[in-house]
Amino acid sequence: DLHRRIDKFRFTPPLEDSCFHYGFNSNYLKKVISYWRNEFDWKKQVEILNRYPHFKTKIEGLDIHFIHVKPPQLPAGRTPKPLLMVHGWPGSFYEFYKIIPLLTDPKNHGLSDEHVFEVICPSIPGYGFSEASSKKGFNSVATARIFYKLMLRLGFQEFYIQGGDWGALICTNMAQLVPSHVKGLHLNMALVLSNFSTLTLLLGRRFGRFLGYTERDVELLYPVKEKVFYSLMRESGYMHIQCTKPDTVGSALNDSPVGLAAYILEKFSTWTNTEFRYLEDGGLERKFSLDDLLTNVMLYWTTATIVSSQRFYKENLGQGWMTQKHERMKVYVPTGFSAFPSELMHTPEKWVRIKYPKLISYSYMARGGHFAAFEEPELLAQDIRKFLSVLEQQ
């Protein structure tokens, strides 16, 4: 069925020299779908997916899918640290496949075995193999509650949590709901826009040092018109659709594998580096392989979950910004933050600390963008380990 639908793709030539400025360049799309149709080996990718043990459990009436990876070896007398890692949109649990061995088996990957983790990666309800809610209102707080119950069911009274994108919000909500159970929170994205951050953003170019900005903050945020305002305008059109009428565009994407691939993979281009929009191929294969990218697309296609995944935007943001109680609540759990330079918007330490007063580790990462675990697993693993070291010294 997939091949039949790919074969019926109707091609629209791109404008001359448009690269990725108009979205996914259709000349390059032809190359991607030719690879998908003729070379991509789904059976081989399923074997890779099955490298880690998969489970399902029913929580609050929903089938929740997760992978659970235990360390192959442990130093004598040590127990692994339980770590829940949560993906976002348009990602999946597969984003964590390259970072998992660095966390569960550090010694075999040239890292110290000071911190050895037991990693749990669930699929957000409505994404991949986790069942979607059939009722309105299923948001990040409901997801946080379910993932907390999952950790309890697995026997963990205390645990660490990590996330970016929706995963960052879900993990933040977990730390707000059950702070006594969360030993540490590590994020590579934070939703912290406030009156303070907006005001300091406008004044920061001139008074940055007095406002607590570092030279690196100024470099990543200014000129503000280009690096914040235009950048967010360019990259947030999808969000407006998904916050308001996700089912409409979802109908098209759920019916067309080529449309679905273009819609999802465009994000892996410009959210990895906004400068990639100047390239004919969107820079996609500079950081990822087509096998990895198409495996993620297949997790949406084979489960028909693009619509339910998009609804998560409406459930969380459809009522407007800062309208929910948790958005105004601070987080009193020890927090670590990785600031990747090509993230959609840079978040200075000063801003993070307002929402997360117990911020104990903040790192400017050497490179990388929005899909940190997928793109730079080594860097993210190093920073998670650094956060744990700081936490344990306290």
Protein backbone atom coordinates (compact mmCIF):
# COMPACT_ATOMS: atom_id res chain seq x y z
CA ASP A 1 0.00 0.00 0.00
CA LEU A 2 2.84 2.40 0.88
CA HIS A 3 4.61 1.78 -2.44
CA ARG A 4 1.37 2.17 -4.38
CA ARG A 5 0.74 5.55 -2.76
CA ILE A 6 4.33 6.71 -3.29
CA ASP A 7 4.06 5.77 -6.99
CA LYS A 8 1.02 8.05 -7.35
CA PHE A 9 2.87 11.12 -6.01
CA ARG A 10 2.01 14.25 -8.03
CA PHE A 11 5.15 16.37 -8.45
CA THR A 12 5.11 20.19 -8.36
CA PRO A 13 8.41 21.72 -9.58
CA PRO A 14 10.02 24.12 -7.07
CA LEU A 15 10.64 27.77 -7.90
CA GLU A 16 14.11 28.57 -9.22
CA ASP A 17 16.76 28.96 -6.49
CA SER A 18 14.14 28.55 -3.77
CA CYS A 19 16.16 25.93 -1.80
CA PHE A 20 14.16 25.31 1.42
CA HIS A 21 12.79 28.87 1.71
CA TYR A 22 9.31 27.74 0.59
CA GLY A 23 9.37 24.58 2.67
CA PHE A 24 10.59 21.16 1.54
CA ASN A 25 12.22 21.47 -1.89
CA SER A 26 10.36 19.12 -4.25
CA ASN A 27 13.43 18.28 -6.36
CA TYR A 28 15.15 16.93 -3.28
CA LEU A 29 11.87 15.32 -2.19
CA LYS A 30 12.03 13.21 -5.39
CA LYS A 31 15.41 11.87 -4.25
CA VAL A 32 14.08 11.08 -0.76
CA ILE A 33 11.01 9.25 -2.01
CA SER A 34 13.01 7.35 -4.63
CA TYR A 35 15.25 6.11 -1.79
CA TRP A 36 12.20 5.30 0.34
CA ARG A 37 10.52 3.41 -2.53
CA ASN A 38 13.54 1.51 -3.88
CA GLU A 39 16.28 1.24 -1.24
CA PHE A 40 14.88 1.78 2.26
CA ASP A 41 14.72 -1.60 4.03
CA TRP A 42 11.91 -1.42 6.58
CA LYS A 43 12.49 -5.01 7.75
CA LYS A 44 16.09 -4.14 8.59
CA GLN A 45 14.94 -1.00 10.44
CA VAL A 46 12.40 -3.06 12.42
CA GLU A 47 15.30 -5.26 13.53
CA ILE A 48 17.08 -2.10 14.72
CA LEU A 49 13.90 -0.95 16.51
CA ASN A 50 13.79 -4.36 18.22
CA ARG A 51 17.35 -3.93 19.49
CA TYR A 52 15.79 -2.68 22.73
CA PRO A 53 12.93 -4.37 24.62
CA HIS A 54 9.44 -2.93 23.94
CA PHE A 55 6.53 -3.09 26.37
CA LYS A 56 2.92 -1.94 26.65
CA THR A 57 0.94 -1.36 29.82
CA LYS A 58 -2.56 0.03 30.40
CA ILE A 59 -2.64 3.24 32.46
CA GLU A 60 -5.83 5.29 32.92
CA GLY A 61 -7.46 3.15 30.22
CA LEU A 62 -4.77 3.84 27.60
CA ASP A 63 -2.21 1.40 26.19
CA ILE A 64 1.15 3.04 26.89
CA HIS A 65 4.17 1.92 24.87
CA PHE A 66 7.72 2.25 26.18
CA ILE A 67 11.20 0.83 25.75
CA HIS A 68 13.09 -0.15 28.90
CA VAL A 69 16.85 -0.64 28.64
CA LYS A 70 18.89 -1.98 31.55
CA PRO A 71 22.69 -1.79 31.73
CA PRO A 72 24.45 -4.91 30.37
CA GLN A 73 27.03 -4.65 33.18
CA LEU A 74 27.36 -2.80 36.49
CA PRO A 75 30.30 -2.14 38.81
CA ALA A 76 30.03 -4.32 41.94
CA GLY A 77 27.62 -3.06 44.57
CA ARG A 78 26.14 -0.36 42.31
CA THR A 79 22.55 0.10 41.17
CA PRO A 80 21.71 1.95 37.93
CA LYS A 81 20.07 5.37 38.00
CA PRO A 82 16.54 5.25 36.52
CA LEU A 83 16.17 7.87 33.78
CA LEU A 84 12.92 8.64 31.93
CA MET A 85 13.54 10.30 28.53
CA VAL A 86 10.60 11.92 26.71
CA HIS A 87 10.47 12.82 23.00
CA GLY A 88 8.51 15.61 21.29
CA TRP A 89 6.91 16.38 17.90
CA PRO A 90 7.58 15.33 15.15
CA GLY A 91 9.91 12.87 16.85
CA SER A 92 9.50 9.54 18.58
CA PHE A 93 11.18 7.19 21.05
CA TYR A 94 13.56 6.32 18.17
CA GLU A 95 15.37 9.65 18.68
CA PHE A 96 17.03 8.14 21.77
CA TYR A 97 18.47 4.99 20.14
CA LYS A 98 21.99 6.43 19.76
CA ILE A 99 22.19 8.01 23.22
CA ILE A 100 20.89 4.94 25.13
CA PRO A 101 24.15 2.90 24.91
CA LEU A 102 26.17 5.92 26.09
CA LEU A 103 23.99 6.06 29.22
CA THR A 104 23.44 2.36 29.92
CA ASP A 105 26.87 1.04 28.90
CA PRO A 106 29.29 3.97 29.23
CA LYS A 107 32.44 1.89 29.79
CA ASN A 108 32.14 0.17 26.41
CA HIS A 109 31.80 3.60 24.78
CA GLY A 110 34.92 5.17 26.25
CA LEU A 111 33.12 6.92 29.12
CA SER A 112 33.57 6.58 32.88
CA ASP A 113 31.16 4.26 34.67
CA GLU A 114 30.61 6.81 37.44
CA HIS A 115 27.02 7.21 36.21
CA VAL A 116 25.25 4.17 34.77
CA PHE A 117 21.59 4.56 33.83
CA GLU A 118 18.57 2.36 33.31
CA VAL A 119 16.65 4.17 30.55
CA ILE A 120 12.88 4.25 30.00
CA CYS A 121 11.58 5.95 26.81
CA PRO A 122 7.77 6.04 26.52
CA SER A 123 5.74 7.17 23.53
CA ILE A 124 3.46 10.12 24.31
CA PRO A 125 -0.21 8.97 24.11
CA GLY A 126 -1.33 9.56 20.51
CA TYR A 127 2.23 9.12 19.17
CA GLY A 128 3.54 5.91 17.62
CA PHE A 129 2.54 2.83 19.58
CA SER A 130 0.86 4.63 22.52
CA GLU A 131 -2.92 4.81 22.33
CA ALA A 132 -4.51 8.24 21.87
CA SER A 133 -7.14 9.60 24.22
CA SER A 134 -10.64 9.67 22.71
CA LYS A 135 -11.64 12.60 24.95
CA LYS A 136 -10.78 16.29 24.59
CA GLY A 137 -8.34 17.94 26.99
CA PHE A 138 -5.57 15.34 27.12
CA ASN A 139 -2.57 17.64 27.61
CA SER A 140 1.00 17.61 28.94
CA VAL A 141 -0.17 17.47 32.58
CA ALA A 142 -2.25 14.33 31.86
CA THR A 143 0.77 12.83 30.09
CA ALA A 144 3.03 13.70 33.05
CA ARG A 145 0.60 11.98 35.41
CA ILE A 146 0.57 8.83 33.25
CA PHE A 147 4.37 8.72 32.95
CA TYR A 148 4.69 9.11 36.74
CA LYS A 149 2.35 6.14 37.18
CA LEU A 150 4.46 4.24 34.65
CA MET A 151 7.62 4.82 36.71
CA LEU A 152 5.84 3.70 39.89
CA ARG A 153 4.61 0.59 38.09
CA LEU A 154 8.19 -0.20 37.08
CA GLY A 155 9.17 -0.02 40.75
CA PHE A 156 10.85 3.41 40.83
CA GLN A 157 9.91 5.67 43.75
CA GLU A 158 12.63 8.17 42.78
CA PHE A 159 14.04 8.81 39.32
CA TYR A 160 15.62 11.31 36.93
CA ILE A 161 13.85 12.79 33.90
CA GLN A 162 15.05 14.36 30.64
CA GLY A 163 13.29 16.00 27.70
CA GLY A 164 13.25 18.50 24.85
CA ASP A 165 10.30 19.92 22.89
CA TRP A 166 7.04 18.45 24.36
CA GLY A 167 9.26 16.19 26.44
CA ALA A 168 10.62 19.27 28.22
CA LEU A 169 7.10 20.41 29.12
CA ILE A 170 5.97 16.92 30.19
CA CYS A 171 9.07 16.48 32.37
CA THR A 172 8.56 19.97 33.84
CA ASN A 173 4.97 19.03 34.71
CA MET A 174 6.19 15.82 36.36
CA ALA A 175 8.60 17.85 38.51
CA GLN A 176 5.70 20.16 39.46
CA LEU A 177 3.27 17.31 40.20
CA VAL A 178 5.57 14.99 42.17
CA PRO A 179 8.74 16.90 43.16
CA SER A 180 9.58 14.46 45.96
CA HIS A 181 9.85 11.62 43.41
CA VAL A 182 11.97 13.49 40.84
CA LYS A 183 15.63 13.47 41.92
CA GLY A 184 16.75 15.59 38.98
CA LEU A 185 15.33 17.26 35.85
CA HIS A 186 17.47 17.75 32.73
CA LEU A 187 16.18 19.77 29.77
CA ASN A 188 17.44 20.84 26.36
CA MET A 189 14.56 23.27 25.80
CA ALA A 190 12.55 25.46 28.15
CA LEU A 191 9.26 27.32 27.64
CA VAL A 192 10.08 30.31 29.84
CA LEU A 193 8.83 33.40 28.01
CA SER A 194 7.65 35.90 30.62
CA ASN A 195 7.24 39.66 30.99
CA PHE A 196 10.80 39.77 32.39
CA SER A 197 12.35 37.88 29.48
CA THR A 198 10.45 39.96 26.91
CA LEU A 199 11.52 43.23 28.54
CA THR A 200 15.16 42.21 28.96
CA LEU A 201 15.22 40.92 25.38
CA LEU A 202 14.37 44.42 24.14
CA LEU A 203 16.96 46.07 26.39
CA GLY A 204 19.61 43.37 26.30
CA ARG A 205 21.65 44.56 23.32
CA ARG A 206 22.55 47.75 25.13
CA PHE A 207 22.36 46.69 28.80
CA GLY A 208 23.06 42.97 28.47
CA ARG A 209 25.78 42.79 31.14
CA PHE A 210 23.62 44.57 33.73
CA LEU A 211 20.69 42.26 32.94
CA GLY A 212 22.76 39.12 33.50
CA TYR A 213 23.39 38.21 29.85
CA THR A 214 26.75 36.71 28.89
CA GLU A 215 28.58 37.56 25.67
CA ARG A 216 27.42 34.21 24.29
CA ASP A 217 23.77 35.07 25.10
CA VAL A 218 24.09 38.34 23.20
CA GLU A 219 25.68 36.50 20.26
CA LEU A 220 22.81 33.97 20.12
CA LEU A 221 19.93 36.44 20.63
CA TYR A 222 20.93 39.53 18.62
CA PRO A 223 20.03 41.14 16.29
CA VAL A 224 16.75 40.26 17.97
CA LYS A 225 14.64 41.06 14.90
CA GLU A 226 16.39 38.32 12.89
CA LYS A 227 17.38 35.76 15.54
CA VAL A 228 14.17 35.82 17.56
CA PHE A 229 11.27 37.59 15.84
CA TYR A 230 11.76 36.59 12.17
CA SER A 231 13.10 33.18 13.13
CA LEU A 232 10.04 32.34 15.25
CA MET A 233 7.66 33.75 12.62
CA ARG A 234 9.31 31.62 9.92
CA GLU A 235 9.24 28.42 11.94
CA SER A 236 5.89 28.62 13.76
CA GLY A 237 3.30 28.49 10.95
CA TYR A 238 2.74 24.76 11.54
CA MET A 239 2.07 25.51 15.22
CA HIS A 240 -0.75 27.93 14.47
CA ILE A 241 -2.48 25.29 12.32
CA GLN A 242 -1.98 22.52 14.89
CA CYS A 243 -3.12 24.69 17.80
CA THR A 244 -6.36 25.55 16.04
CA LYS A 245 -7.45 22.98 13.41
CA PRO A 246 -5.12 19.98 13.54
CA ASP A 247 -7.61 17.53 12.01
CA THR A 248 -7.87 19.41 8.70
CA VAL A 249 -4.20 19.24 7.67
CA GLY A 250 -4.00 15.87 9.43
CA SER A 251 -6.47 14.36 6.96
CA ALA A 252 -4.12 15.13 4.07
CA LEU A 253 -0.98 13.94 5.88
CA ASN A 254 -2.57 10.71 7.07
CA ASP A 255 -3.55 9.89 3.48
CA SER A 256 -0.31 10.77 1.68
CA PRO A 257 3.02 9.23 2.73
CA VAL A 258 4.93 11.70 0.55
CA GLY A 259 3.10 14.65 2.10
CA LEU A 260 3.75 13.22 5.56
CA ALA A 261 7.48 12.79 4.85
CA ALA A 262 7.81 16.34 3.49
CA TYR A 263 5.92 17.81 6.46
CA ILE A 264 7.96 15.94 9.08
CA LEU A 265 11.39 16.03 7.45
CA GLU A 266 11.25 19.77 6.77
CA LYS A 267 11.40 20.21 10.57
CA PHE A 268 14.54 18.05 10.76
CA SER A 269 16.13 20.49 8.30
CA THR A 270 15.46 23.97 9.64
CA TRP A 271 15.10 23.02 13.32
CA THR A 272 18.56 21.47 13.15
CA ASN A 273 19.98 24.68 11.68
CA THR A 274 17.90 27.55 10.30
CA GLU A 275 20.72 28.30 7.81
CA PHE A 276 19.94 24.97 6.12
CA ARG A 277 17.05 26.70 4.35
CA TYR A 278 19.67 28.14 1.97
CA LEU A 279 20.59 24.62 0.77
CA GLU A 280 18.96 22.67 -2.08
CA ASP A 281 18.81 19.53 0.08
CA GLY A 282 17.96 21.36 3.32
CA GLY A 283 21.18 19.98 4.86
CA LEU A 284 19.19 16.92 5.96
CA GLU A 285 21.92 14.37 5.33
CA ARG A 286 24.62 16.49 6.99
CA LYS A 287 23.39 15.42 10.41
CA PHE A 288 21.11 12.41 9.82
CA SER A 289 20.91 9.37 7.56
CA LEU A 290 17.86 8.86 5.34
CA ASP A 291 17.37 5.48 7.07
CA ASP A 292 17.05 7.15 10.47
CA LEU A 293 14.82 9.95 9.18
CA LEU A 294 12.49 7.60 7.29
CA THR A 295 12.28 5.22 10.26
CA ASN A 296 10.87 8.11 12.29
CA VAL A 297 8.41 8.92 9.46
CA MET A 298 7.38 5.24 9.32
CA LEU A 299 6.54 5.30 13.04
CA TYR A 300 3.90 7.93 12.19
CA TRP A 301 2.78 6.30 8.92
CA THR A 302 2.39 2.69 10.07
CA THR A 303 0.51 3.70 13.23
CA ALA A 304 -1.59 6.45 11.51
CA THR A 305 -0.85 8.81 14.42
CA ILE A 306 -0.04 12.10 12.70
CA VAL A 307 -3.52 13.51 13.52
CA SER A 308 -3.50 12.50 17.18
CA SER A 309 0.08 13.78 17.57
CA GLN A 310 -0.91 17.18 16.14
CA ARG A 311 -3.93 17.42 18.45
CA PHE A 312 -1.48 17.61 21.37
CA TYR A 313 -0.82 21.22 20.26
CA LYS A 314 -4.48 22.17 20.49
CA GLU A 315 -4.86 20.50 23.88
CA ASN A 316 -1.86 22.38 25.27
CA LEU A 317 -1.88 25.74 23.47
CA GLY A 318 -5.41 26.03 22.06
CA GLN A 319 -6.59 28.09 25.03
CA GLY A 320 -3.77 30.60 24.64
CA TRP A 321 -0.40 31.25 26.24
CA MET A 322 0.03 31.41 30.05
CA THR A 323 -3.61 30.46 30.70
CA GLN A 324 -2.87 27.25 32.62
CA LYS A 325 -1.81 27.07 36.24
CA HIS A 326 1.33 25.02 35.58
CA GLU A 327 2.66 27.69 33.20
CA ARG A 328 2.91 30.14 36.11
CA MET A 329 4.29 27.62 38.63
CA LYS A 330 8.01 27.41 39.40
CA VAL A 331 9.88 24.12 39.55
CA TYR A 332 11.68 23.31 42.79
CA VAL A 333 13.60 20.24 41.65
CA PRO A 334 17.38 20.30 40.91
CA THR A 335 17.61 21.19 37.22
CA GLY A 336 20.24 20.96 34.49
CA PHE A 337 19.99 22.70 31.12
CA SER A 338 21.78 22.20 27.78
CA ALA A 339 21.66 25.29 25.55
CA PHE A 340 22.24 24.03 21.99
CA PRO A 341 23.30 26.95 19.73
CA SER A 342 20.99 26.10 16.81
CA GLU A 343 17.84 25.64 18.93
CA LEU A 344 14.87 27.60 17.52
CA MET A 345 15.36 30.25 20.19
CA HIS A 346 18.20 30.62 22.68
CA THR A 347 17.23 30.59 26.38
CA PRO A 348 19.73 32.44 28.62
CA GLU A 349 20.54 31.05 32.06
CA LYS A 350 18.89 34.10 33.65
CA TRP A 351 15.53 33.17 32.04
CA VAL A 352 15.78 29.48 32.91
CA ARG A 353 16.50 30.33 36.55
CA ILE A 354 13.24 32.30 36.91
CA LYS A 355 11.14 29.20 36.17
CA TYR A 356 13.63 26.71 37.63
CA PRO A 357 15.15 28.35 40.76
CA LYS A 358 17.11 25.17 41.57
CA LEU A 359 19.08 25.32 38.32
CA ILE A 360 22.47 23.84 39.23
CA SER A 361 23.99 23.21 35.80
CA TYR A 362 23.72 25.31 32.63
CA SER A 363 25.87 24.47 29.60
CA TYR A 364 26.47 26.25 26.31
CA MET A 365 26.77 23.31 23.94
CA ALA A 366 29.41 23.34 21.20
CA ARG A 367 26.98 22.57 18.37
CA GLY A 368 23.55 21.11 17.70
CA GLY A 369 19.93 22.13 17.36
CA HIS A 370 16.41 21.13 18.37
CA PHE A 371 16.69 17.32 18.10
CA ALA A 372 19.60 17.07 20.52
CA ALA A 373 19.53 13.34 21.38
CA PHE A 374 19.09 12.39 17.71
CA GLU A 375 21.70 14.80 16.32
CA GLU A 376 24.35 15.05 19.06
CA PRO A 377 23.94 12.03 21.36
CA GLU A 378 27.51 12.24 22.70
CA LEU A 379 27.21 15.91 23.68
CA LEU A 380 23.84 15.43 25.36
CA ALA A 381 25.02 12.31 27.22
CA GLN A 382 28.08 14.22 28.48
CA ASP A 383 25.90 17.03 29.77
CA ILE A 384 23.44 14.70 31.51
CA ARG A 385 26.42 13.05 33.23
CA LYS A 386 27.89 16.45 34.16
CA PHE A 387 24.53 17.46 35.71
CA LEU A 388 24.46 14.25 37.78
CA SER A 389 28.02 14.90 39.03
CA VAL A 390 27.12 18.43 40.15
CA LEU A 391 23.92 17.14 41.76
CA GLU A 392 25.70 14.41 43.71
CA GLN A 393 28.37 16.81 44.99
CA GLN A 394 25.72 18.97 46.65
